[in-house]
Amino acid sequence: MSYKIPKLNRKELRRFGLLTGTIISGLFGLVMPLISGDKLPLTPWIITGVMYGLATFIPQSLDPIYNNWMKVTQVLAWINTRIILGLIFFLIITPMAFIMQLFNRDTMKKISYSLETYRISSFIKEKNSMEKPY
């Protein structure tokens, strides 16, 4: 979990500020209140205005916000990876193993230790085989 957070220039910080402000207003100012049936809150719109102002006039001031956000995303990514891989293992791989044991299927029986290689050599095609490929 020691991913190095890249340093952003003014243009990238401006883009980060505008995108973050848009997501905050869209998600917390519109979508969630409409889903829950509440009235539209003022706080997300104030935060969006501040983010837009900082992104437009002083993008370098968004650097600490960006760095802290990236630290949060690293933690969330670490947690999500464990959850997703755990679910895949226990919901897909483990039942497949039980089913294969139930039917006495062993995929390792096909291995022949006397063979030097499992490679199948390809054969050289004649030139006229490519005249009418379809």
C-alpha atoms as a PDB file:
ATOM      1  CA  MET A   1       0.000   0.000   0.000  1.00  0.00           C
ATOM      2  CA  SER A   2       2.932   2.300  -0.622  1.00  0.00           C
ATOM      3  CA  TYR A   3       1.766   3.740  -3.931  1.00  0.00           C
ATOM      4  CA  LYS A   4       3.465   7.066  -4.630  1.00  0.00           C
ATOM      5  CA  ILE A   5       0.945   9.850  -5.201  1.00  0.00           C
ATOM      6  CA  PRO A   6       1.888  11.753  -8.367  1.00  0.00           C
ATOM      7  CA  LYS A   7       2.390  15.511  -8.223  1.00  0.00           C
ATOM      8  CA  LEU A   8      -0.178  17.332 -10.368  1.00  0.00           C
ATOM      9  CA  ASN A   9       0.391  20.521 -12.346  1.00  0.00           C
ATOM     10  CA  ARG A  10      -2.024  23.480 -12.439  1.00  0.00           C
ATOM     11  CA  LYS A  11      -4.093  22.108 -15.317  1.00  0.00           C
ATOM     12  CA  GLU A  12      -4.575  18.707 -13.686  1.00  0.00           C
ATOM     13  CA  LEU A  13      -5.438  20.260 -10.314  1.00  0.00           C
ATOM     14  CA  ARG A  14      -7.962  22.525 -12.044  1.00  0.00           C
ATOM     15  CA  ARG A  15      -9.533  19.473 -13.710  1.00  0.00           C
ATOM     16  CA  PHE A  16      -9.579  17.637 -10.355  1.00  0.00           C
ATOM     17  CA  GLY A  17     -11.311  20.581  -8.649  1.00  0.00           C
ATOM     18  CA  LEU A  18     -13.941  20.985 -11.351  1.00  0.00           C
ATOM     19  CA  LEU A  19     -14.650  17.261 -11.541  1.00  0.00           C
ATOM     20  CA  THR A  20     -14.827  16.870  -7.757  1.00  0.00           C
ATOM     21  CA  GLY A  21     -17.142  19.868  -7.460  1.00  0.00           C
ATOM     22  CA  THR A  22     -19.397  18.491 -10.184  1.00  0.00           C
ATOM     23  CA  ILE A  23     -19.584  15.060  -8.545  1.00  0.00           C
ATOM     24  CA  ILE A  24     -20.338  16.562  -5.110  1.00  0.00           C
ATOM     25  CA  SER A  25     -23.166  18.734  -6.468  1.00  0.00           C
ATOM     26  CA  GLY A  26     -24.563  16.019  -8.712  1.00  0.00           C
ATOM     27  CA  LEU A  27     -24.436  13.204  -6.194  1.00  0.00           C
ATOM     28  CA  PHE A  28     -25.080  14.922  -2.872  1.00  0.00           C
ATOM     29  CA  GLY A  29     -26.971  17.968  -4.162  1.00  0.00           C
ATOM     30  CA  LEU A  30     -29.311  16.297  -6.656  1.00  0.00           C
ATOM     31  CA  VAL A  31     -29.338  12.503  -6.897  1.00  0.00           C
ATOM     32  CA  MET A  32     -29.371  11.474  -3.226  1.00  0.00           C
ATOM     33  CA  PRO A  33     -31.983  14.043  -2.122  1.00  0.00           C
ATOM     34  CA  LEU A  34     -34.246  13.101  -5.052  1.00  0.00           C
ATOM     35  CA  ILE A  35     -33.928   9.382  -4.256  1.00  0.00           C
ATOM     36  CA  SER A  36     -34.630   9.892  -0.554  1.00  0.00           C
ATOM     37  CA  GLY A  37     -37.419  12.427  -1.221  1.00  0.00           C
ATOM     38  CA  ASP A  38     -35.790  15.181   0.842  1.00  0.00           C
ATOM     39  CA  LYS A  39     -35.504  18.815  -0.156  1.00  0.00           C
ATOM     40  CA  LEU A  40     -32.315  19.891  -1.930  1.00  0.00           C
ATOM     41  CA  PRO A  41     -29.573  20.725   0.610  1.00  0.00           C
ATOM     42  CA  LEU A  42     -27.446  23.853   0.387  1.00  0.00           C
ATOM     43  CA  THR A  43     -24.139  22.446   1.715  1.00  0.00           C
ATOM     44  CA  PRO A  44     -23.101  20.454  -1.422  1.00  0.00           C
ATOM     45  CA  TRP A  45     -23.696  23.531  -3.555  1.00  0.00           C
ATOM     46  CA  ILE A  46     -21.524  25.676  -1.274  1.00  0.00           C
ATOM     47  CA  ILE A  47     -18.747  23.072  -1.412  1.00  0.00           C
ATOM     48  CA  THR A  48     -19.103  22.946  -5.205  1.00  0.00           C
ATOM     49  CA  GLY A  49     -18.856  26.726  -5.439  1.00  0.00           C
ATOM     50  CA  VAL A  50     -15.716  26.739  -3.288  1.00  0.00           C
ATOM     51  CA  MET A  51     -14.172  23.917  -5.360  1.00  0.00           C
ATOM     52  CA  TYR A  52     -14.995  25.716  -8.623  1.00  0.00           C
ATOM     53  CA  GLY A  53     -13.569  28.985  -7.292  1.00  0.00           C
ATOM     54  CA  LEU A  54     -10.354  27.369  -6.080  1.00  0.00           C
ATOM     55  CA  ALA A  55      -9.996  25.358  -9.289  1.00  0.00           C
ATOM     56  CA  THR A  56     -10.480  28.446 -11.421  1.00  0.00           C
ATOM     57  CA  PHE A  57      -8.362  30.984  -9.559  1.00  0.00           C
ATOM     58  CA  ILE A  58      -5.951  29.104  -7.219  1.00  0.00           C
ATOM     59  CA  PRO A  59      -5.622  25.494  -8.445  1.00  0.00           C
ATOM     60  CA  GLN A  60      -2.459  24.886  -6.366  1.00  0.00           C
ATOM     61  CA  SER A  61      -4.562  25.249  -3.199  1.00  0.00           C
ATOM     62  CA  LEU A  62      -6.305  21.970  -4.138  1.00  0.00           C
ATOM     63  CA  ASP A  63      -3.063  20.001  -3.781  1.00  0.00           C
ATOM     64  CA  PRO A  64      -3.643  19.012  -0.096  1.00  0.00           C
ATOM     65  CA  ILE A  65      -7.237  18.011  -0.889  1.00  0.00           C
ATOM     66  CA  TYR A  66      -6.019  15.901  -3.812  1.00  0.00           C
ATOM     67  CA  ASN A  67      -3.274  14.225  -1.730  1.00  0.00           C
ATOM     68  CA  ASN A  68      -5.660  13.342   1.095  1.00  0.00           C
ATOM     69  CA  TRP A  69      -8.257  12.065  -1.373  1.00  0.00           C
ATOM     70  CA  MET A  70      -5.647   9.821  -3.003  1.00  0.00           C
ATOM     71  CA  LYS A  71      -4.716   8.396   0.420  1.00  0.00           C
ATOM     72  CA  VAL A  72      -8.394   7.589   1.051  1.00  0.00           C
ATOM     73  CA  THR A  73      -8.678   5.929  -2.363  1.00  0.00           C
ATOM     74  CA  GLN A  74      -5.621   3.779  -1.654  1.00  0.00           C
ATOM     75  CA  VAL A  75      -7.217   2.455   1.521  1.00  0.00           C
ATOM     76  CA  LEU A  76     -10.533   1.842  -0.264  1.00  0.00           C
ATOM     77  CA  ALA A  77      -8.762   0.065  -3.132  1.00  0.00           C
ATOM     78  CA  TRP A  78      -6.919  -2.194  -0.697  1.00  0.00           C
ATOM     79  CA  ILE A  79     -10.184  -3.110   1.057  1.00  0.00           C
ATOM     80  CA  ASN A  80     -12.138  -3.590  -2.205  1.00  0.00           C
ATOM     81  CA  THR A  81      -9.465  -5.857  -3.652  1.00  0.00           C
ATOM     82  CA  ARG A  82      -9.685  -8.197  -0.681  1.00  0.00           C
ATOM     83  CA  ILE A  83     -13.479  -8.216  -0.736  1.00  0.00           C
ATOM     84  CA  ILE A  84     -13.772  -8.803  -4.487  1.00  0.00           C
ATOM     85  CA  LEU A  85     -11.095 -11.502  -4.639  1.00  0.00           C
ATOM     86  CA  GLY A  86     -12.555 -13.196  -1.565  1.00  0.00           C
ATOM     87  CA  LEU A  87     -16.031 -13.228  -3.091  1.00  0.00           C
ATOM     88  CA  ILE A  88     -14.703 -14.607  -6.374  1.00  0.00           C
ATOM     89  CA  PHE A  89     -12.866 -17.357  -4.538  1.00  0.00           C
ATOM     90  CA  PHE A  90     -15.723 -18.385  -2.254  1.00  0.00           C
ATOM     91  CA  LEU A  91     -18.577 -17.946  -4.749  1.00  0.00           C
ATOM     92  CA  ILE A  92     -16.925 -19.297  -7.913  1.00  0.00           C
ATOM     93  CA  ILE A  93     -13.734 -21.276  -7.303  1.00  0.00           C
ATOM     94  CA  THR A  94     -14.802 -23.186  -4.176  1.00  0.00           C
ATOM     95  CA  PRO A  95     -18.152 -24.416  -5.595  1.00  0.00           C
ATOM     96  CA  MET A  96     -16.373 -25.489  -8.791  1.00  0.00           C
ATOM     97  CA  ALA A  97     -13.932 -27.554  -6.732  1.00  0.00           C
ATOM     98  CA  PHE A  98     -16.784 -29.197  -4.797  1.00  0.00           C
ATOM     99  CA  ILE A  99     -18.640 -30.032  -8.023  1.00  0.00           C
ATOM    100  CA  MET A 100     -15.511 -31.497  -9.589  1.00  0.00           C
ATOM    101  CA  GLN A 101     -14.936 -33.644  -6.484  1.00  0.00           C
ATOM    102  CA  LEU A 102     -18.568 -34.726  -6.563  1.00  0.00           C
ATOM    103  CA  PHE A 103     -18.158 -36.055 -10.119  1.00  0.00           C
ATOM    104  CA  ASN A 104     -14.656 -37.467  -9.423  1.00  0.00           C
ATOM    105  CA  ARG A 105     -13.155 -35.187 -12.044  1.00  0.00           C
ATOM    106  CA  ASP A 106      -9.413 -34.636 -11.777  1.00  0.00           C
ATOM    107  CA  THR A 107      -7.924 -32.390 -14.436  1.00  0.00           C
ATOM    108  CA  MET A 108      -4.389 -33.321 -13.405  1.00  0.00           C
ATOM    109  CA  LYS A 109      -4.854 -36.934 -14.633  1.00  0.00           C
ATOM    110  CA  LYS A 110      -4.171 -35.783 -18.206  1.00  0.00           C
ATOM    111  CA  ILE A 111      -0.563 -34.997 -17.366  1.00  0.00           C
ATOM    112  CA  SER A 112       1.952 -37.440 -18.739  1.00  0.00           C
ATOM    113  CA  TYR A 113       5.315 -37.184 -17.034  1.00  0.00           C
ATOM    114  CA  SER A 114       7.007 -39.244 -19.764  1.00  0.00           C
ATOM    115  CA  LEU A 115       6.482 -36.549 -22.418  1.00  0.00           C
ATOM    116  CA  GLU A 116       9.231 -34.009 -22.893  1.00  0.00           C
ATOM    117  CA  THR A 117       6.800 -31.299 -24.061  1.00  0.00           C
ATOM    118  CA  TYR A 118       3.113 -30.785 -24.772  1.00  0.00           C
ATOM    119  CA  ARG A 119       3.824 -28.509 -27.741  1.00  0.00           C
ATOM    120  CA  ILE A 120       2.145 -29.466 -30.999  1.00  0.00           C
ATOM    121  CA  SER A 121       4.174 -28.445 -34.020  1.00  0.00           C
ATOM    122  CA  SER A 122       2.347 -26.457 -36.644  1.00  0.00           C
ATOM    123  CA  PHE A 123       2.417 -27.529 -40.266  1.00  0.00           C
ATOM    124  CA  ILE A 124       3.445 -25.417 -43.240  1.00  0.00           C
ATOM    125  CA  LYS A 125       0.568 -24.558 -45.554  1.00  0.00           C
ATOM    126  CA  GLU A 126       0.812 -24.610 -49.314  1.00  0.00           C
ATOM    127  CA  LYS A 127       0.718 -21.307 -51.205  1.00  0.00           C
ATOM    128  CA  ASN A 128      -2.461 -22.221 -53.093  1.00  0.00           C
ATOM    129  CA  SER A 129      -4.372 -22.679 -49.807  1.00  0.00           C
ATOM    130  CA  MET A 130      -4.403 -18.888 -49.418  1.00  0.00           C
ATOM    131  CA  GLU A 131      -5.826 -18.120 -52.893  1.00  0.00           C
ATOM    132  CA  LYS A 132      -9.428 -18.602 -51.718  1.00  0.00           C
ATOM    133  CA  PRO A 133      -9.325 -18.422 -47.917  1.00  0.00           C
ATOM    134  CA  TYR A 134     -13.112 -18.275 -47.592  1.00  0.00           C
END
